[in-house]
N, C-alpha and C. Protein backbone atom coordinates (compact mmCIF):
# COMPACT_ATOMS: atom_id res chain seq x y z
N MET A 1 43.63 -46.97 -37.83
CA MET A 1 43.17 -46.64 -36.49
C MET A 1 43.35 -45.14 -36.24
N LYS A 2 42.33 -44.49 -35.86
CA LYS A 2 42.39 -43.04 -35.69
C LYS A 2 42.84 -42.68 -34.27
N PRO A 3 43.96 -41.93 -34.12
CA PRO A 3 44.40 -41.54 -32.79
C PRO A 3 43.45 -40.52 -32.18
N PHE A 4 43.38 -40.54 -30.87
CA PHE A 4 42.49 -39.60 -30.18
C PHE A 4 43.07 -39.30 -28.82
N PHE A 5 43.42 -38.04 -28.59
CA PHE A 5 43.82 -37.62 -27.26
C PHE A 5 42.55 -37.38 -26.46
N ILE A 6 42.34 -38.20 -25.45
CA ILE A 6 41.15 -38.01 -24.63
C ILE A 6 41.24 -36.63 -24.00
N VAL A 7 40.24 -35.83 -24.16
CA VAL A 7 40.32 -34.45 -23.67
C VAL A 7 40.26 -34.45 -22.16
N LEU A 8 39.20 -34.91 -21.58
CA LEU A 8 39.10 -35.07 -20.13
C LEU A 8 37.82 -35.80 -19.82
N LEU A 9 37.85 -36.64 -18.85
CA LEU A 9 36.62 -37.25 -18.39
C LEU A 9 35.94 -36.29 -17.45
N ALA A 10 34.71 -35.94 -17.78
CA ALA A 10 33.99 -34.94 -17.00
C ALA A 10 33.93 -35.29 -15.53
N ALA A 11 33.73 -36.55 -15.22
CA ALA A 11 33.61 -36.96 -13.83
C ALA A 11 34.90 -36.75 -13.05
N ASP A 12 36.03 -36.73 -13.74
CA ASP A 12 37.31 -36.58 -13.08
C ASP A 12 37.78 -35.14 -12.96
N PHE A 13 37.57 -34.35 -14.02
CA PHE A 13 38.22 -33.05 -14.06
C PHE A 13 37.34 -31.87 -14.41
N ALA A 14 36.19 -32.07 -14.97
CA ALA A 14 35.37 -30.94 -15.41
C ALA A 14 34.63 -30.36 -14.21
N LEU A 15 35.36 -29.62 -13.40
CA LEU A 15 34.79 -29.05 -12.20
C LEU A 15 34.03 -27.77 -12.52
N PRO A 16 32.96 -27.50 -11.80
CA PRO A 16 32.18 -26.30 -12.08
C PRO A 16 32.95 -25.04 -11.74
N ALA A 17 32.70 -24.00 -12.51
CA ALA A 17 33.38 -22.72 -12.27
C ALA A 17 32.65 -21.97 -11.17
N THR A 18 32.79 -22.48 -9.95
CA THR A 18 32.12 -21.87 -8.81
C THR A 18 33.15 -21.27 -7.88
N ALA A 19 32.66 -20.48 -6.93
CA ALA A 19 33.55 -19.86 -5.96
C ALA A 19 34.22 -20.93 -5.10
N GLN A 20 35.46 -20.68 -4.68
CA GLN A 20 36.17 -21.63 -3.85
C GLN A 20 35.55 -21.66 -2.45
N THR A 21 35.65 -22.82 -1.81
CA THR A 21 35.04 -22.97 -0.49
C THR A 21 35.97 -22.54 0.63
N SER A 22 37.23 -22.30 0.33
CA SER A 22 38.18 -21.83 1.34
C SER A 22 38.98 -20.67 0.77
N PRO A 23 39.55 -19.82 1.65
CA PRO A 23 40.30 -18.66 1.16
C PRO A 23 41.48 -19.07 0.29
N VAL A 24 41.75 -18.27 -0.74
CA VAL A 24 42.88 -18.54 -1.62
C VAL A 24 43.73 -17.28 -1.69
N LEU A 25 44.97 -17.46 -2.12
CA LEU A 25 45.89 -16.32 -2.18
C LEU A 25 45.53 -15.35 -3.30
N TYR A 26 45.04 -15.89 -4.43
CA TYR A 26 44.77 -15.06 -5.59
C TYR A 26 43.33 -15.27 -6.08
N PRO A 27 42.36 -14.67 -5.40
CA PRO A 27 40.96 -14.88 -5.79
C PRO A 27 40.64 -14.37 -7.20
N ALA A 28 41.25 -13.26 -7.60
CA ALA A 28 40.98 -12.74 -8.95
C ALA A 28 41.51 -13.70 -10.01
N LEU A 29 42.68 -14.27 -9.76
CA LEU A 29 43.24 -15.25 -10.69
C LEU A 29 42.37 -16.50 -10.74
N SER A 30 41.85 -16.89 -9.59
CA SER A 30 40.93 -18.04 -9.54
C SER A 30 39.74 -17.82 -10.47
N LYS A 31 39.16 -16.65 -10.43
CA LYS A 31 38.01 -16.35 -11.29
C LYS A 31 38.41 -16.35 -12.76
N THR A 32 39.59 -15.83 -13.05
CA THR A 32 40.07 -15.82 -14.43
C THR A 32 40.22 -17.24 -14.98
N LEU A 33 40.82 -18.12 -14.20
CA LEU A 33 41.01 -19.50 -14.64
C LEU A 33 39.68 -20.21 -14.84
N ASP A 34 38.74 -19.96 -13.93
CA ASP A 34 37.41 -20.57 -14.07
C ASP A 34 36.71 -20.09 -15.33
N SER A 35 36.87 -18.81 -15.64
CA SER A 35 36.24 -18.26 -16.84
C SER A 35 36.87 -18.85 -18.10
N LEU A 36 38.19 -18.97 -18.11
CA LEU A 36 38.88 -19.56 -19.26
C LEU A 36 38.46 -21.01 -19.46
N ALA A 37 38.33 -21.74 -18.36
CA ALA A 37 37.92 -23.15 -18.44
C ALA A 37 36.49 -23.28 -18.96
N PHE A 38 35.63 -22.36 -18.57
CA PHE A 38 34.25 -22.39 -19.05
C PHE A 38 34.22 -22.24 -20.57
N VAL A 39 35.01 -21.30 -21.08
CA VAL A 39 35.09 -21.09 -22.53
C VAL A 39 35.70 -22.32 -23.21
N ASP A 40 36.74 -22.88 -22.58
CA ASP A 40 37.41 -24.06 -23.12
C ASP A 40 36.44 -25.23 -23.28
N GLN A 41 35.60 -25.45 -22.29
CA GLN A 41 34.74 -26.63 -22.26
C GLN A 41 33.43 -26.47 -23.04
N ARG A 42 33.05 -25.25 -23.33
CA ARG A 42 31.73 -25.02 -23.92
C ARG A 42 31.52 -25.76 -25.25
N PRO A 43 32.45 -25.71 -26.21
CA PRO A 43 32.20 -26.43 -27.46
C PRO A 43 32.07 -27.94 -27.25
N MET A 44 32.92 -28.50 -26.41
CA MET A 44 32.87 -29.94 -26.16
C MET A 44 31.56 -30.35 -25.51
N GLN A 45 31.12 -29.56 -24.54
CA GLN A 45 29.87 -29.88 -23.86
C GLN A 45 28.69 -29.83 -24.83
N GLU A 46 28.75 -28.89 -25.76
CA GLU A 46 27.68 -28.80 -26.76
C GLU A 46 27.68 -30.04 -27.65
N MET A 47 28.88 -30.52 -28.01
CA MET A 47 28.96 -31.71 -28.85
C MET A 47 28.49 -32.96 -28.12
N MET A 48 28.65 -32.98 -26.81
CA MET A 48 28.31 -34.17 -26.04
C MET A 48 26.85 -34.20 -25.58
N ARG A 49 26.11 -33.14 -25.86
CA ARG A 49 24.71 -33.11 -25.41
C ARG A 49 23.83 -34.07 -26.19
N GLY A 50 24.26 -34.48 -27.35
CA GLY A 50 23.43 -35.39 -28.15
C GLY A 50 23.86 -35.36 -29.60
N GLN A 51 23.01 -35.80 -30.47
CA GLN A 51 23.32 -35.87 -31.89
C GLN A 51 23.50 -34.45 -32.45
N THR A 52 24.61 -34.26 -33.15
CA THR A 52 24.95 -32.95 -33.69
C THR A 52 25.28 -33.08 -35.17
N ALA A 53 24.79 -32.17 -35.97
CA ALA A 53 25.07 -32.19 -37.41
C ALA A 53 26.57 -32.08 -37.66
N ASP A 54 27.04 -32.71 -38.73
CA ASP A 54 28.47 -32.69 -39.04
C ASP A 54 28.99 -31.27 -39.19
N SER A 55 28.21 -30.41 -39.82
CA SER A 55 28.65 -29.03 -40.01
C SER A 55 28.81 -28.32 -38.67
N THR A 56 27.92 -28.62 -37.74
CA THR A 56 28.01 -28.02 -36.41
C THR A 56 29.23 -28.54 -35.67
N LYS A 57 29.49 -29.85 -35.79
CA LYS A 57 30.66 -30.43 -35.14
C LYS A 57 31.94 -29.79 -35.65
N LYS A 58 32.03 -29.58 -36.97
CA LYS A 58 33.22 -28.95 -37.54
C LYS A 58 33.41 -27.55 -36.99
N ARG A 59 32.31 -26.82 -36.88
CA ARG A 59 32.39 -25.46 -36.34
C ARG A 59 32.86 -25.49 -34.89
N LEU A 60 32.33 -26.42 -34.11
CA LEU A 60 32.68 -26.50 -32.69
C LEU A 60 34.13 -26.93 -32.50
N VAL A 61 34.59 -27.86 -33.32
CA VAL A 61 35.99 -28.29 -33.23
C VAL A 61 36.91 -27.13 -33.58
N ALA A 62 36.56 -26.38 -34.63
CA ALA A 62 37.36 -25.21 -35.00
C ALA A 62 37.37 -24.19 -33.87
N GLU A 63 36.22 -24.01 -33.22
CA GLU A 63 36.13 -23.08 -32.10
C GLU A 63 37.03 -23.52 -30.96
N GLN A 64 37.08 -24.82 -30.72
CA GLN A 64 37.96 -25.35 -29.68
C GLN A 64 39.41 -24.93 -29.91
N TYR A 65 39.89 -25.15 -31.13
CA TYR A 65 41.29 -24.87 -31.41
C TYR A 65 41.60 -23.38 -31.37
N VAL A 66 40.64 -22.57 -31.73
CA VAL A 66 40.82 -21.12 -31.59
C VAL A 66 40.97 -20.77 -30.11
N ASN A 67 40.13 -21.37 -29.27
CA ASN A 67 40.21 -21.12 -27.83
C ASN A 67 41.54 -21.58 -27.25
N PHE A 68 41.99 -22.77 -27.67
CA PHE A 68 43.27 -23.28 -27.17
C PHE A 68 44.40 -22.30 -27.48
N ALA A 69 44.40 -21.77 -28.71
CA ALA A 69 45.46 -20.85 -29.12
C ALA A 69 45.38 -19.52 -28.38
N ARG A 70 44.18 -19.05 -28.12
CA ARG A 70 44.01 -17.79 -27.39
C ARG A 70 44.44 -17.92 -25.94
N HIS A 71 44.19 -19.07 -25.36
CA HIS A 71 44.42 -19.23 -23.92
C HIS A 71 45.89 -19.47 -23.57
N GLN A 72 46.65 -20.07 -24.47
CA GLN A 72 48.03 -20.44 -24.11
C GLN A 72 48.89 -19.26 -23.68
N PRO A 73 48.91 -18.14 -24.42
CA PRO A 73 49.74 -17.02 -23.96
C PRO A 73 49.26 -16.44 -22.64
N VAL A 74 47.97 -16.53 -22.37
CA VAL A 74 47.45 -16.07 -21.07
C VAL A 74 48.00 -16.95 -19.96
N LEU A 75 48.00 -18.25 -20.18
CA LEU A 75 48.53 -19.18 -19.18
C LEU A 75 50.02 -18.94 -18.95
N GLU A 76 50.74 -18.72 -20.04
CA GLU A 76 52.18 -18.46 -19.93
C GLU A 76 52.43 -17.21 -19.09
N ALA A 77 51.64 -16.18 -19.32
CA ALA A 77 51.79 -14.94 -18.56
C ALA A 77 51.47 -15.14 -17.09
N ILE A 78 50.46 -15.96 -16.81
CA ILE A 78 50.08 -16.24 -15.42
C ILE A 78 51.23 -16.90 -14.67
N VAL A 79 51.83 -17.91 -15.29
CA VAL A 79 52.93 -18.63 -14.64
C VAL A 79 54.13 -17.72 -14.44
N LYS A 80 54.40 -16.88 -15.43
CA LYS A 80 55.54 -15.96 -15.33
C LYS A 80 55.34 -14.96 -14.20
N LYS A 81 54.12 -14.50 -14.02
CA LYS A 81 53.84 -13.46 -13.02
C LYS A 81 53.60 -14.04 -11.63
N CYS A 82 52.87 -15.15 -11.54
CA CYS A 82 52.41 -15.65 -10.24
C CYS A 82 53.02 -16.98 -9.84
N GLY A 83 53.75 -17.63 -10.75
CA GLY A 83 54.20 -18.98 -10.46
C GLY A 83 53.09 -19.98 -10.75
N TYR A 84 53.27 -21.20 -10.27
CA TYR A 84 52.29 -22.24 -10.53
C TYR A 84 51.01 -21.98 -9.74
N PRO A 85 49.86 -21.89 -10.40
CA PRO A 85 48.60 -21.62 -9.69
C PRO A 85 48.00 -22.92 -9.14
N GLY A 86 48.51 -23.35 -8.01
CA GLY A 86 48.06 -24.59 -7.41
C GLY A 86 46.92 -24.38 -6.43
N THR A 87 46.65 -25.43 -5.65
CA THR A 87 45.53 -25.40 -4.71
C THR A 87 45.66 -24.27 -3.71
N LYS A 88 46.86 -24.04 -3.21
CA LYS A 88 47.06 -23.00 -2.20
C LYS A 88 46.85 -21.61 -2.79
N GLN A 89 47.18 -21.45 -4.06
CA GLN A 89 47.08 -20.13 -4.68
C GLN A 89 45.67 -19.81 -5.16
N VAL A 90 45.00 -20.79 -5.78
CA VAL A 90 43.70 -20.49 -6.41
C VAL A 90 42.59 -21.46 -6.01
N GLY A 91 42.88 -22.45 -5.18
CA GLY A 91 41.86 -23.41 -4.77
C GLY A 91 41.83 -24.63 -5.67
N GLU A 92 41.20 -25.69 -5.20
CA GLU A 92 41.22 -26.97 -5.93
C GLU A 92 40.57 -26.86 -7.30
N THR A 93 39.40 -26.24 -7.36
CA THR A 93 38.68 -26.16 -8.64
C THR A 93 39.50 -25.41 -9.68
N SER A 94 39.99 -24.25 -9.32
CA SER A 94 40.72 -23.43 -10.29
C SER A 94 42.07 -24.04 -10.65
N ALA A 95 42.71 -24.73 -9.69
CA ALA A 95 43.97 -25.41 -9.99
C ALA A 95 43.76 -26.50 -11.03
N LYS A 96 42.67 -27.25 -10.91
CA LYS A 96 42.38 -28.29 -11.90
C LYS A 96 41.95 -27.67 -13.23
N ASN A 97 41.33 -26.51 -13.17
CA ASN A 97 40.99 -25.81 -14.41
C ASN A 97 42.24 -25.34 -15.13
N PHE A 98 43.24 -24.89 -14.36
CA PHE A 98 44.52 -24.52 -14.98
C PHE A 98 45.13 -25.72 -15.69
N PHE A 99 45.13 -26.86 -15.00
CA PHE A 99 45.65 -28.08 -15.62
C PHE A 99 44.90 -28.41 -16.90
N LEU A 100 43.58 -28.31 -16.86
CA LEU A 100 42.77 -28.61 -18.04
C LEU A 100 43.21 -27.75 -19.23
N LEU A 101 43.43 -26.48 -18.98
CA LEU A 101 43.84 -25.56 -20.04
C LEU A 101 45.23 -25.92 -20.58
N VAL A 102 46.14 -26.27 -19.68
CA VAL A 102 47.48 -26.69 -20.11
C VAL A 102 47.40 -27.97 -20.93
N GLN A 103 46.54 -28.88 -20.51
CA GLN A 103 46.37 -30.16 -21.21
C GLN A 103 45.97 -29.96 -22.66
N HIS A 104 45.28 -28.87 -22.93
CA HIS A 104 44.80 -28.61 -24.29
C HIS A 104 45.77 -27.77 -25.12
N ALA A 105 46.94 -27.48 -24.57
CA ALA A 105 47.93 -26.67 -25.30
C ALA A 105 48.91 -27.56 -26.06
N ASP A 106 48.38 -28.56 -26.78
CA ASP A 106 49.24 -29.49 -27.51
C ASP A 106 50.06 -28.81 -28.60
N ALA A 107 49.58 -27.70 -29.10
CA ALA A 107 50.32 -26.98 -30.14
C ALA A 107 51.55 -26.27 -29.57
N TYR A 108 51.71 -26.33 -28.24
CA TYR A 108 52.82 -25.65 -27.56
C TYR A 108 53.53 -26.66 -26.66
N PRO A 109 54.21 -27.67 -27.25
CA PRO A 109 54.81 -28.74 -26.45
C PRO A 109 55.87 -28.26 -25.47
N VAL A 110 56.63 -27.25 -25.83
CA VAL A 110 57.65 -26.73 -24.91
C VAL A 110 56.99 -26.17 -23.65
N PHE A 111 55.88 -25.50 -23.83
CA PHE A 111 55.13 -24.96 -22.69
C PHE A 111 54.60 -26.09 -21.81
N GLN A 112 54.03 -27.12 -22.43
CA GLN A 112 53.52 -28.25 -21.65
C GLN A 112 54.64 -28.92 -20.86
N GLU A 113 55.80 -29.09 -21.48
CA GLU A 113 56.92 -29.72 -20.79
C GLU A 113 57.39 -28.86 -19.62
N LYS A 114 57.37 -27.56 -19.81
CA LYS A 114 57.75 -26.64 -18.73
C LYS A 114 56.81 -26.79 -17.55
N ILE A 115 55.51 -26.82 -17.82
CA ILE A 115 54.53 -26.95 -16.74
C ILE A 115 54.65 -28.31 -16.07
N LEU A 116 54.91 -29.36 -16.84
CA LEU A 116 55.06 -30.70 -16.26
C LEU A 116 56.22 -30.72 -15.26
N LYS A 117 57.31 -30.08 -15.61
CA LYS A 117 58.47 -30.03 -14.71
C LYS A 117 58.14 -29.28 -13.43
N ILE A 118 57.46 -28.14 -13.57
CA ILE A 118 57.06 -27.36 -12.39
C ILE A 118 56.05 -28.15 -11.56
N MET A 119 55.13 -28.80 -12.24
CA MET A 119 54.05 -29.53 -11.57
C MET A 119 54.59 -30.69 -10.74
N SER A 120 55.67 -31.31 -11.19
CA SER A 120 56.26 -32.42 -10.47
C SER A 120 56.61 -32.02 -9.04
N ALA A 121 57.22 -30.85 -8.90
CA ALA A 121 57.57 -30.35 -7.57
C ALA A 121 56.33 -29.98 -6.77
N GLU A 122 55.32 -29.44 -7.45
CA GLU A 122 54.09 -29.03 -6.75
C GLU A 122 53.30 -30.24 -6.24
N VAL A 123 53.36 -31.36 -6.96
CA VAL A 123 52.71 -32.59 -6.48
C VAL A 123 53.35 -33.02 -5.17
N GLN A 124 54.67 -32.95 -5.09
CA GLN A 124 55.37 -33.32 -3.86
C GLN A 124 54.98 -32.41 -2.70
N ARG A 125 54.65 -31.18 -3.00
CA ARG A 125 54.23 -30.22 -1.96
C ARG A 125 52.73 -30.31 -1.69
N LYS A 126 52.08 -31.25 -2.36
CA LYS A 126 50.62 -31.41 -2.24
C LYS A 126 49.87 -30.13 -2.66
N ASN A 127 50.45 -29.45 -3.64
CA ASN A 127 49.86 -28.24 -4.18
C ASN A 127 49.33 -28.46 -5.59
N ALA A 128 49.42 -29.70 -6.08
CA ALA A 128 48.89 -30.07 -7.40
C ALA A 128 48.38 -31.50 -7.32
N ASP A 129 47.38 -31.80 -8.11
CA ASP A 129 46.73 -33.11 -8.10
C ASP A 129 47.58 -34.14 -8.84
N ASN A 130 47.84 -35.29 -8.19
CA ASN A 130 48.72 -36.27 -8.82
C ASN A 130 48.10 -36.94 -10.04
N ARG A 131 46.78 -37.03 -10.08
CA ARG A 131 46.14 -37.60 -11.28
C ARG A 131 46.26 -36.63 -12.46
N SER A 132 46.13 -35.36 -12.18
CA SER A 132 46.34 -34.37 -13.24
C SER A 132 47.77 -34.47 -13.77
N PHE A 133 48.71 -34.66 -12.85
CA PHE A 133 50.11 -34.82 -13.25
C PHE A 133 50.28 -36.04 -14.14
N ALA A 134 49.57 -37.12 -13.83
CA ALA A 134 49.64 -38.34 -14.64
C ALA A 134 49.12 -38.08 -16.05
N TYR A 135 48.00 -37.37 -16.14
CA TYR A 135 47.43 -37.06 -17.45
C TYR A 135 48.42 -36.25 -18.29
N LEU A 136 49.03 -35.25 -17.68
CA LEU A 136 49.96 -34.41 -18.44
C LEU A 136 51.23 -35.17 -18.77
N THR A 137 51.67 -36.06 -17.88
CA THR A 137 52.83 -36.91 -18.16
C THR A 137 52.60 -37.72 -19.42
N ASP A 138 51.43 -38.32 -19.52
CA ASP A 138 51.10 -39.11 -20.72
C ASP A 138 51.00 -38.24 -21.95
N ARG A 139 50.42 -37.09 -21.79
CA ARG A 139 50.23 -36.18 -22.93
C ARG A 139 51.57 -35.77 -23.51
N VAL A 140 52.48 -35.37 -22.63
CA VAL A 140 53.80 -34.92 -23.07
C VAL A 140 54.56 -36.07 -23.72
N ALA A 141 54.48 -37.26 -23.13
CA ALA A 141 55.19 -38.42 -23.68
C ALA A 141 54.73 -38.72 -25.10
N LEU A 142 53.42 -38.76 -25.31
CA LEU A 142 52.91 -39.07 -26.64
C LEU A 142 53.27 -37.97 -27.65
N ASN A 143 53.25 -36.73 -27.21
CA ASN A 143 53.64 -35.64 -28.11
C ASN A 143 55.11 -35.74 -28.51
N ARG A 144 55.91 -36.41 -27.67
CA ARG A 144 57.32 -36.64 -27.97
C ARG A 144 57.53 -37.90 -28.81
N GLY A 145 56.45 -38.65 -29.04
CA GLY A 145 56.57 -39.91 -29.74
C GLY A 145 56.99 -41.05 -28.84
N GLN A 146 56.83 -40.90 -27.53
CA GLN A 146 57.21 -41.91 -26.55
C GLN A 146 55.97 -42.59 -25.98
N PRO A 147 56.11 -43.79 -25.41
CA PRO A 147 54.95 -44.47 -24.82
C PRO A 147 54.47 -43.77 -23.56
N GLN A 148 53.19 -43.83 -23.32
CA GLN A 148 52.63 -43.24 -22.12
C GLN A 148 52.73 -44.21 -20.95
N THR A 149 52.66 -43.66 -19.73
CA THR A 149 52.86 -44.45 -18.52
C THR A 149 51.56 -44.93 -17.90
N TYR A 150 50.56 -44.04 -17.85
CA TYR A 150 49.34 -44.33 -17.09
C TYR A 150 48.13 -44.66 -17.97
N CYS A 151 48.28 -44.55 -19.25
CA CYS A 151 47.20 -44.80 -20.22
C CYS A 151 45.98 -43.91 -19.96
N SER A 152 46.23 -42.63 -19.82
CA SER A 152 45.12 -41.68 -19.74
C SER A 152 44.63 -41.28 -21.13
N GLN A 153 45.44 -41.57 -22.15
CA GLN A 153 45.12 -41.20 -23.52
C GLN A 153 44.79 -42.46 -24.32
N VAL A 154 43.78 -42.38 -25.15
CA VAL A 154 43.36 -43.55 -25.93
C VAL A 154 43.24 -43.19 -27.40
N GLU A 155 43.08 -44.22 -28.23
CA GLU A 155 42.74 -44.03 -29.63
C GLU A 155 41.58 -44.95 -29.94
N TYR A 156 40.91 -44.67 -31.06
CA TYR A 156 39.72 -45.44 -31.42
C TYR A 156 40.03 -46.45 -32.51
N LYS A 157 39.50 -47.66 -32.34
CA LYS A 157 39.56 -48.67 -33.39
C LYS A 157 38.59 -48.29 -34.51
N ALA A 158 38.63 -49.06 -35.59
CA ALA A 158 37.74 -48.79 -36.72
C ALA A 158 36.27 -48.87 -36.31
N ASP A 159 35.97 -49.71 -35.32
CA ASP A 159 34.58 -49.84 -34.87
C ASP A 159 34.20 -48.82 -33.81
N GLY A 160 35.11 -47.88 -33.53
CA GLY A 160 34.81 -46.83 -32.57
C GLY A 160 35.15 -47.14 -31.14
N GLN A 161 35.67 -48.33 -30.86
CA GLN A 161 35.98 -48.72 -29.49
C GLN A 161 37.30 -48.09 -29.04
N PRO A 162 37.34 -47.53 -27.82
CA PRO A 162 38.59 -46.95 -27.32
C PRO A 162 39.59 -48.04 -26.96
N THR A 163 40.85 -47.78 -27.23
CA THR A 163 41.91 -48.75 -26.93
C THR A 163 43.16 -47.99 -26.51
N PRO A 164 44.00 -48.58 -25.66
CA PRO A 164 45.22 -47.89 -25.22
C PRO A 164 46.09 -47.48 -26.39
N ARG A 165 46.72 -46.35 -26.24
CA ARG A 165 47.60 -45.85 -27.30
C ARG A 165 49.05 -45.85 -26.82
N ASN A 166 49.90 -46.59 -27.53
CA ASN A 166 51.35 -46.59 -27.29
C ASN A 166 51.67 -46.62 -25.79
N LEU A 167 51.35 -47.75 -25.16
CA LEU A 167 51.43 -47.87 -23.71
C LEU A 167 52.70 -48.60 -23.27
N LEU A 168 53.38 -48.03 -22.30
CA LEU A 168 54.57 -48.64 -21.70
C LEU A 168 54.16 -49.78 -20.78
N ASP A 169 54.79 -50.94 -20.94
CA ASP A 169 54.61 -52.08 -20.02
C ASP A 169 53.14 -52.30 -19.66
N PRO A 170 52.31 -52.69 -20.62
CA PRO A 170 50.87 -52.82 -20.38
C PRO A 170 50.52 -53.74 -19.22
N ALA A 171 51.32 -54.77 -18.97
CA ALA A 171 50.99 -55.74 -17.92
C ALA A 171 50.93 -55.11 -16.54
N ASN A 172 51.65 -54.01 -16.34
CA ASN A 172 51.72 -53.39 -15.02
C ASN A 172 51.04 -52.02 -14.96
N VAL A 173 50.24 -51.71 -15.96
CA VAL A 173 49.64 -50.38 -15.99
C VAL A 173 48.69 -50.16 -14.82
N ASP A 174 47.95 -51.19 -14.42
CA ASP A 174 47.01 -51.00 -13.31
C ASP A 174 47.73 -50.72 -12.00
N LYS A 175 48.92 -51.28 -11.82
CA LYS A 175 49.70 -50.98 -10.62
C LYS A 175 50.11 -49.51 -10.62
N ARG A 176 50.53 -49.03 -11.78
CA ARG A 176 50.94 -47.62 -11.87
C ARG A 176 49.74 -46.71 -11.65
N ARG A 177 48.61 -47.07 -12.23
CA ARG A 177 47.40 -46.26 -12.07
C ARG A 177 46.96 -46.25 -10.60
N ALA A 178 47.00 -47.41 -9.96
CA ALA A 178 46.58 -47.49 -8.56
C ALA A 178 47.48 -46.66 -7.66
N SER A 179 48.75 -46.55 -8.01
CA SER A 179 49.71 -45.82 -7.17
C SER A 179 49.38 -44.34 -7.05
N ILE A 180 48.59 -43.82 -8.01
CA ILE A 180 48.21 -42.41 -7.93
C ILE A 180 46.70 -42.23 -7.83
N GLY A 181 46.02 -43.30 -7.46
CA GLY A 181 44.59 -43.19 -7.20
C GLY A 181 43.69 -43.27 -8.41
N MET A 182 44.18 -43.79 -9.53
CA MET A 182 43.36 -43.95 -10.72
C MET A 182 42.71 -45.33 -10.73
N GLU A 183 41.53 -45.42 -11.33
CA GLU A 183 40.84 -46.69 -11.42
C GLU A 183 41.57 -47.63 -12.38
N PRO A 184 41.26 -48.95 -12.33
CA PRO A 184 41.87 -49.88 -13.29
C PRO A 184 41.57 -49.45 -14.73
N LEU A 185 42.45 -49.82 -15.63
CA LEU A 185 42.33 -49.39 -17.01
C LEU A 185 41.00 -49.80 -17.63
N GLU A 186 40.57 -51.03 -17.39
CA GLU A 186 39.33 -51.49 -18.00
C GLU A 186 38.14 -50.67 -17.52
N ALA A 187 38.14 -50.27 -16.25
CA ALA A 187 37.07 -49.42 -15.73
C ALA A 187 37.10 -48.05 -16.40
N TYR A 188 38.29 -47.56 -16.66
CA TYR A 188 38.46 -46.27 -17.34
C TYR A 188 37.92 -46.35 -18.77
N LEU A 189 38.27 -47.43 -19.48
CA LEU A 189 37.78 -47.60 -20.84
C LEU A 189 36.27 -47.76 -20.87
N ALA A 190 35.73 -48.45 -19.86
CA ALA A 190 34.28 -48.61 -19.77
C ALA A 190 33.60 -47.26 -19.58
N LYS A 191 34.24 -46.38 -18.81
CA LYS A 191 33.69 -45.05 -18.59
C LYS A 191 33.66 -44.25 -19.90
N ILE A 192 34.71 -44.39 -20.69
CA ILE A 192 34.75 -43.71 -21.98
C ILE A 192 33.65 -44.25 -22.90
N ARG A 193 33.49 -45.57 -22.91
CA ARG A 193 32.44 -46.16 -23.75
C ARG A 193 31.06 -45.67 -23.32
N GLU A 194 30.87 -45.53 -22.01
CA GLU A 194 29.58 -45.03 -21.51
C GLU A 194 29.35 -43.60 -21.97
N MET A 195 30.39 -42.76 -21.93
CA MET A 195 30.27 -41.39 -22.40
C MET A 195 29.97 -41.35 -23.89
N GLN A 196 30.60 -42.26 -24.65
CA GLN A 196 30.31 -42.34 -26.09
C GLN A 196 28.83 -42.66 -26.31
N GLN A 197 28.34 -43.63 -25.55
CA GLN A 197 26.95 -44.04 -25.70
C GLN A 197 26.00 -42.90 -25.37
N GLN A 198 26.30 -42.17 -24.30
CA GLN A 198 25.45 -41.05 -23.91
C GLN A 198 25.45 -39.96 -24.97
N SER A 199 26.62 -39.75 -25.60
CA SER A 199 26.71 -38.70 -26.61
C SER A 199 25.92 -39.04 -27.87
N ARG A 200 25.63 -40.34 -28.06
CA ARG A 200 24.87 -40.75 -29.24
C ARG A 200 23.37 -40.71 -29.01
N GLN A 201 22.97 -40.51 -27.76
CA GLN A 201 21.54 -40.47 -27.47
C GLN A 201 20.91 -39.24 -28.10
N PRO A 202 19.73 -39.35 -28.69
CA PRO A 202 19.08 -38.16 -29.28
C PRO A 202 18.73 -37.15 -28.21
N LYS A 203 18.78 -35.89 -28.60
CA LYS A 203 18.44 -34.82 -27.67
C LYS A 203 16.96 -34.88 -27.31
N GLN A 204 16.68 -34.55 -26.07
CA GLN A 204 15.29 -34.48 -25.63
C GLN A 204 14.65 -33.22 -26.17
N LYS A 205 13.45 -33.36 -26.70
CA LYS A 205 12.75 -32.19 -27.26
C LYS A 205 11.71 -31.69 -26.28
């Protein structure tokens, strides 16, 4: 069974890099985060547009990891200089883009754990999204070799079907998901299957 860290469901987190609708404390930082997120998402979006040659997929995957490595020290510097860039600091879109970038820093587990600890307090202040916090909680747990709580991360069976990966107390996962506004697990898996199906559709000429 091939493990797979779900990168992000576009409907949940892939917000457009547009101007914020309300004033923010750090507008320049907001633009920086949106630009980094655009670069982060570009290879994945290209792969999801339709059928892609294996050689192209390999190139795009390699490009992804180069981007992840380039962005991590930038994120670290942002937190050191400005603190946590939450909704109040950079707006909802850019705050979720910051989370997206942190989510992809798997090669830097200490950094992810640091952000998770900071983010916990920011969720209580309503300055960070609780679903984003759930995703990062699961990510950090699996990177530690521990079971995940909310089942935001999946792995693929031999037939390509997504299935929960190392899940804590599966019988009560929907209760935990509902407590932070996430859909039931089966609906989440169905959404992933739908995205898989769409990615297999031939490109329109």
